[in-house]
Amino acid sequence: MPRTGPTADAAAAHSACIRRLTPERDERVRLYCFPFAGGTAASYRPLAKVLPEHVGLVAFQPPGRQDRLGEPPVTDLRSLVPEFATALLADLDDRNSRAYGLFGHSMGTILAYEVALELKRLGVEPPRLLTVSGRRAPHLPPEPGFQPYHLMSDDEFLTRVMSLGGIPPELAAYPDLLELVLPTLKADFAAVETYEWRPVAELDCPIAVFGGLDDLDSPPASLDPWAGLSTARTRVRTYPGGHFFLWDHAQDMFAHVAAGLSPAA
C-alpha cells in the first residue's frame, strides 16, 4: 500500500482512539491491543513490563470510557472496525516500518480479528501475528444453555461479570461508580453477544491462540477451530485459570507473542 500520509479523517480517528503506551521506546514492531468488555486502553499498560524494548505497545480506546466517557458506547462491534483500521493505518504512517501485530482479549479478540479482515480487504500488508486470547473461535455457536449476560437484570449481570473476574468485587462497595460504568459494560456485552460471524476469505497471517483451562465461556475445545480462519500457522496454548488467566501468565504468554512478532518467526 503506498504511503501517501494520513487523510484528515484518518488523523481525526487516530487522535480519538489511539493511545500509545510506550512512546519512549525505540521499537521495531508495534503491537496494537483491543480491549475486553469494560476495559480501556490503559488496561493493557501492565504489558509494557513484559514486552521487550523493541516492541511498541499501542491500545485502542472505544467510546464510552475514560477520556471518551462523553460518547455513547456502541452495541455493534463492526461499527468500530472502520475507525480502528483507519486509525491504525494513520499510526503506522508515523513510522518508517510497517511491521505490526494485533492482540485482543475476549471482546478485543473479535475486534482484532475483524480489523485484520478489514486490513486484508484494503490490501494492507498483513500483521506479523494475530494474537487472540480468552475467546472461542467466532464461527462456533455458543455453549449449550448459554444465557446472554446483557439481557439479565443489572444485579444478576454484575454478579455474573464479577464471577468472571472482569471487575473487582470491591467495586460493589461504590454504587455511584458502578452506576457510571454499568451502561458501557452492558453495552460491551451486548456487542459481543449479538456479534455474528460472516463467512469471508481466510486471513494470511499466523494466529496465536491463548485460553484458560477453567474458562467456562471459552473452554479449551473451542479454541482449536481458530486454525480454520487463516492459511498460515495457528498455535494454541492454554494456561491454568479462568477467563482472565492472562494476568497470571503474562510473562510467559507475551514471550511467545514477542517471538511471533520477530521477522524470523
Protein backbone atom coordinates (compact mmCIF):
# COMPACT_ATOMS: atom_id res chain seq x y z
CA MET A 1 0.00 0.00 0.00
CA PRO A 2 1.56 3.37 -0.94
CA ARG A 3 2.46 5.75 1.85
CA THR A 4 0.51 8.87 0.98
CA GLY A 5 0.19 10.22 4.51
CA PRO A 6 -2.96 10.22 6.64
CA THR A 7 -6.08 12.00 5.47
CA ALA A 8 -7.90 14.42 7.73
CA ASP A 9 -10.41 11.68 8.61
CA ALA A 10 -7.58 9.27 9.40
CA ALA A 11 -5.86 11.83 11.60
CA ALA A 12 -9.10 12.50 13.48
CA ALA A 13 -9.74 8.78 14.01
CA HIS A 14 -6.16 8.33 15.15
CA SER A 15 -6.47 11.13 17.69
CA ALA A 16 -9.78 9.83 19.01
CA CYS A 17 -8.98 6.19 19.65
CA ILE A 18 -5.21 5.50 19.61
CA ARG A 19 -3.30 5.51 22.89
CA ARG A 20 0.47 4.91 22.81
CA LEU A 21 1.50 3.16 26.00
CA THR A 22 5.27 3.04 25.31
CA PRO A 23 6.09 6.29 23.47
CA GLU A 24 9.69 6.30 24.67
CA ARG A 25 10.74 3.02 23.03
CA ASP A 26 12.99 2.58 20.02
CA GLU A 27 10.65 -0.02 18.60
CA ARG A 28 10.99 -2.25 15.55
CA VAL A 29 7.45 -3.61 15.62
CA ARG A 30 4.22 -2.30 17.13
CA LEU A 31 1.59 -4.37 18.94
CA TYR A 32 -1.96 -2.98 18.68
CA CYS A 33 -4.26 -4.08 21.52
CA PHE A 34 -8.05 -4.18 21.57
CA PRO A 35 -9.81 -4.05 24.97
CA PHE A 36 -12.01 -6.62 26.63
CA ALA A 37 -15.57 -5.78 27.69
CA GLY A 38 -15.49 -2.93 30.18
CA GLY A 39 -11.77 -2.48 29.57
CA THR A 40 -9.90 0.61 28.48
CA ALA A 41 -6.73 1.29 26.55
CA ALA A 42 -4.95 1.71 29.88
CA SER A 43 -5.97 -1.82 30.90
CA TYR A 44 -3.06 -3.08 28.82
CA ARG A 45 -0.42 -0.82 30.38
CA PRO A 46 0.98 -3.71 32.53
CA LEU A 47 2.05 -5.45 29.32
CA ALA A 48 4.76 -2.80 28.85
CA LYS A 49 6.69 -4.54 31.64
CA VAL A 50 6.67 -7.96 29.97
CA LEU A 51 7.25 -7.00 26.33
CA PRO A 52 10.84 -6.47 25.09
CA GLU A 53 12.04 -2.97 24.32
CA HIS A 54 11.82 -3.44 20.55
CA VAL A 55 8.04 -3.98 20.76
CA GLY A 56 5.96 -0.81 20.96
CA LEU A 57 2.62 -1.04 22.75
CA VAL A 58 -0.47 0.75 21.44
CA ALA A 59 -4.07 0.31 22.56
CA PHE A 60 -7.45 1.36 21.23
CA GLN A 61 -9.91 3.37 23.29
CA PRO A 62 -13.55 2.67 22.36
CA PRO A 63 -16.19 5.30 23.15
CA GLY A 64 -17.97 5.34 26.49
CA ARG A 65 -14.95 5.10 28.82
CA GLN A 66 -12.25 7.25 30.41
CA ASP A 67 -11.48 10.24 28.17
CA ARG A 68 -14.27 9.16 25.78
CA LEU A 69 -16.84 8.85 28.56
CA GLY A 70 -18.99 11.58 26.99
CA GLU A 71 -19.55 9.47 23.87
CA PRO A 72 -22.25 6.77 23.90
CA PRO A 73 -20.92 3.19 23.97
CA VAL A 74 -21.60 1.05 20.92
CA THR A 75 -23.54 -2.20 20.80
CA ASP A 76 -22.34 -3.22 17.33
CA LEU A 77 -18.69 -4.27 17.21
CA ARG A 78 -18.49 -3.94 13.45
CA SER A 79 -19.27 -0.23 13.72
CA LEU A 80 -15.86 0.25 15.37
CA VAL A 81 -13.86 -1.61 12.75
CA PRO A 82 -13.51 1.16 10.09
CA GLU A 83 -12.48 3.72 12.72
CA PHE A 84 -9.92 1.40 14.29
CA ALA A 85 -8.49 0.27 10.94
CA THR A 86 -8.19 3.88 9.75
CA ALA A 87 -6.52 4.92 13.00
CA LEU A 88 -4.09 2.00 12.83
CA LEU A 89 -3.01 2.93 9.30
CA ALA A 90 -2.54 6.57 10.32
CA ASP A 91 -0.44 5.42 13.29
CA LEU A 92 1.74 3.25 11.06
CA ASP A 93 2.30 6.24 8.79
CA ASP A 94 4.13 7.89 11.70
CA ARG A 95 6.87 5.24 11.45
CA ASN A 96 9.41 4.08 8.89
CA SER A 97 8.48 0.44 9.45
CA ARG A 98 5.02 -1.00 8.92
CA ALA A 99 5.72 -4.13 10.98
CA TYR A 100 2.87 -4.71 13.40
CA GLY A 101 0.82 -7.28 15.28
CA LEU A 102 -2.71 -7.37 16.65
CA PHE A 103 -3.82 -8.56 20.10
CA GLY A 104 -7.21 -8.87 21.73
CA HIS A 105 -8.63 -10.50 24.83
CA SER A 106 -12.28 -11.60 24.99
CA MET A 107 -14.27 -8.83 23.22
CA GLY A 108 -10.99 -7.46 21.95
CA THR A 109 -10.35 -10.74 20.15
CA ILE A 110 -13.34 -10.16 17.88
CA LEU A 111 -12.22 -6.60 17.19
CA ALA A 112 -8.66 -7.70 16.40
CA TYR A 113 -9.96 -10.40 14.04
CA GLU A 114 -12.39 -8.06 12.26
CA VAL A 115 -9.76 -5.32 11.90
CA ALA A 116 -7.38 -7.92 10.39
CA LEU A 117 -10.09 -8.78 7.87
CA GLU A 118 -10.65 -5.09 7.08
CA LEU A 119 -6.93 -4.53 6.51
CA LYS A 120 -6.87 -7.53 4.17
CA ARG A 121 -9.83 -6.06 2.27
CA LEU A 122 -7.92 -2.78 1.93
CA GLY A 123 -4.89 -4.58 0.54
CA VAL A 124 -2.67 -3.77 3.53
CA GLU A 125 0.28 -5.99 4.38
CA PRO A 126 -0.96 -8.49 7.00
CA PRO A 127 0.17 -8.38 10.62
CA ARG A 128 3.13 -10.49 11.58
CA LEU A 129 0.89 -12.13 14.17
CA LEU A 130 -2.76 -12.04 15.22
CA THR A 131 -2.99 -12.98 18.90
CA VAL A 132 -6.40 -13.98 20.24
CA SER A 133 -6.98 -14.62 23.93
CA GLY A 134 -9.89 -15.83 26.02
CA ARG A 135 -12.35 -16.14 23.18
CA ARG A 136 -13.83 -19.13 21.38
CA ALA A 137 -13.46 -19.25 17.60
CA PRO A 138 -16.00 -16.74 16.24
CA HIS A 139 -17.72 -19.17 13.86
CA LEU A 140 -18.69 -21.56 16.68
CA PRO A 141 -22.17 -21.47 18.25
CA PRO A 142 -22.48 -20.53 21.94
CA GLU A 143 -22.07 -23.21 24.58
CA PRO A 144 -25.30 -25.21 25.21
CA GLY A 145 -27.55 -23.43 27.70
CA PHE A 146 -25.73 -20.11 27.34
CA GLN A 147 -27.77 -17.14 28.56
CA PRO A 148 -26.85 -13.68 27.23
CA TYR A 149 -25.50 -11.55 30.04
CA HIS A 150 -26.73 -8.28 28.58
CA LEU A 151 -30.38 -9.41 28.92
CA MET A 152 -30.04 -10.04 32.67
CA SER A 153 -31.14 -7.66 35.38
CA ASP A 154 -28.44 -5.25 36.49
CA ASP A 155 -27.87 -7.12 39.78
CA GLU A 156 -27.57 -10.53 38.13
CA PHE A 157 -25.42 -9.08 35.37
CA LEU A 158 -22.94 -7.59 37.84
CA THR A 159 -22.82 -10.83 39.83
CA ARG A 160 -22.02 -12.85 36.70
CA VAL A 161 -19.41 -10.40 35.45
CA MET A 162 -17.67 -10.27 38.83
CA SER A 163 -17.54 -14.09 38.82
CA LEU A 164 -15.57 -13.87 35.56
CA GLY A 165 -13.06 -11.55 37.18
CA GLY A 166 -13.98 -8.71 34.87
CA ILE A 167 -14.48 -6.19 37.68
CA PRO A 168 -13.07 -6.34 41.22
CA PRO A 169 -15.53 -7.30 43.99
CA GLU A 170 -14.60 -4.17 45.98
CA LEU A 171 -16.21 -2.08 43.24
CA ALA A 172 -19.58 -3.22 44.60
CA ALA A 173 -18.92 -1.00 47.62
CA TYR A 174 -19.13 2.09 45.41
CA PRO A 175 -22.64 2.24 43.91
CA ASP A 176 -22.03 5.62 42.26
CA LEU A 177 -19.02 4.22 40.39
CA LEU A 178 -20.95 1.08 39.46
CA GLU A 179 -23.75 3.21 38.08
CA LEU A 180 -21.20 5.11 35.98
CA VAL A 181 -19.56 2.05 34.38
CA LEU A 182 -22.61 -0.21 34.09
CA PRO A 183 -24.04 1.21 30.81
CA THR A 184 -20.73 0.82 28.98
CA LEU A 185 -20.09 -2.63 30.42
CA LYS A 186 -23.55 -3.84 29.49
CA ALA A 187 -23.26 -2.30 26.00
CA ASP A 188 -19.97 -4.15 25.52
CA PHE A 189 -21.58 -7.46 26.42
CA ALA A 190 -24.47 -6.72 24.08
CA ALA A 191 -21.97 -6.04 21.30
CA VAL A 192 -20.17 -9.34 21.91
CA GLU A 193 -23.30 -11.43 22.34
CA THR A 194 -25.05 -10.10 19.23
CA TYR A 195 -21.96 -10.39 17.01
CA GLU A 196 -22.48 -12.79 14.10
CA TRP A 197 -19.56 -14.22 12.18
CA ARG A 198 -19.80 -13.91 8.40
CA PRO A 199 -18.06 -16.35 6.03
CA VAL A 200 -15.21 -14.41 4.43
CA ALA A 201 -11.82 -15.05 2.88
CA GLU A 202 -9.24 -16.57 5.18
CA LEU A 203 -6.55 -14.42 6.74
CA ASP A 204 -2.94 -14.74 5.59
CA CYS A 205 -1.23 -14.19 8.95
CA PRO A 206 -0.21 -16.61 11.72
CA ILE A 207 -2.59 -16.82 14.67
CA ALA A 208 -1.54 -17.35 18.28
CA VAL A 209 -4.45 -18.55 20.42
CA PHE A 210 -4.40 -18.47 24.22
CA GLY A 211 -7.02 -19.69 26.67
CA GLY A 212 -7.72 -20.54 30.29
CA LEU A 213 -8.18 -24.19 31.23
CA ASP A 214 -11.06 -23.25 33.52
CA ASP A 215 -12.69 -20.63 31.29
CA LEU A 216 -16.32 -21.79 31.10
CA ASP A 217 -17.28 -19.27 28.42
CA SER A 218 -14.41 -20.23 26.09
CA PRO A 219 -13.22 -23.72 27.08
CA PRO A 220 -10.10 -25.22 25.50
CA ALA A 221 -12.07 -27.28 22.96
CA SER A 222 -13.47 -24.04 21.50
CA LEU A 223 -10.02 -22.64 20.69
CA ASP A 224 -8.68 -25.13 18.13
CA PRO A 225 -11.16 -24.09 15.37
CA TRP A 226 -9.34 -20.75 15.06
CA ALA A 227 -6.98 -22.73 12.82
CA GLY A 228 -9.60 -22.75 10.07
CA LEU A 229 -9.59 -18.95 9.75
CA SER A 230 -6.10 -18.43 8.33
CA THR A 231 -3.95 -20.01 5.65
CA ALA A 232 -0.92 -19.54 7.91
CA ARG A 233 0.14 -21.44 11.03
CA THR A 234 -2.09 -21.40 14.12
CA ARG A 235 -0.75 -22.34 17.56
CA VAL A 236 -2.93 -22.86 20.62
CA ARG A 237 -1.65 -22.62 24.20
CA THR A 238 -3.64 -22.91 27.41
CA TYR A 239 -2.86 -21.89 30.97
CA PRO A 240 -4.37 -22.66 34.38
CA GLY A 241 -7.07 -20.17 35.27
CA GLY A 242 -10.41 -18.76 34.28
CA HIS A 243 -11.42 -16.05 31.84
CA PHE A 244 -8.72 -13.57 32.93
CA PHE A 245 -5.90 -16.11 33.06
CA LEU A 246 -3.62 -13.76 31.12
CA TRP A 247 -2.70 -11.56 34.08
CA ASP A 248 -1.26 -14.53 35.99
CA HIS A 249 0.71 -15.79 32.98
CA ALA A 250 1.59 -12.58 31.14
CA GLN A 251 5.35 -13.12 31.29
CA ASP A 252 5.28 -16.48 29.53
CA MET A 253 2.38 -15.64 27.26
CA PHE A 254 3.89 -12.46 25.86
CA ALA A 255 7.29 -14.06 25.45
CA HIS A 256 5.54 -16.24 22.85
CA VAL A 257 3.82 -13.18 21.38
CA ALA A 258 7.11 -11.28 21.10
CA ALA A 259 8.74 -14.28 19.43
CA GLY A 260 5.88 -14.42 16.92
CA LEU A 261 6.38 -10.74 16.11
CA SER A 262 10.04 -11.21 15.20
CA PRO A 263 10.92 -11.31 11.47
CA ALA A 264 12.24 -14.88 11.73
CA ALA A 265 9.06 -16.24 13.36
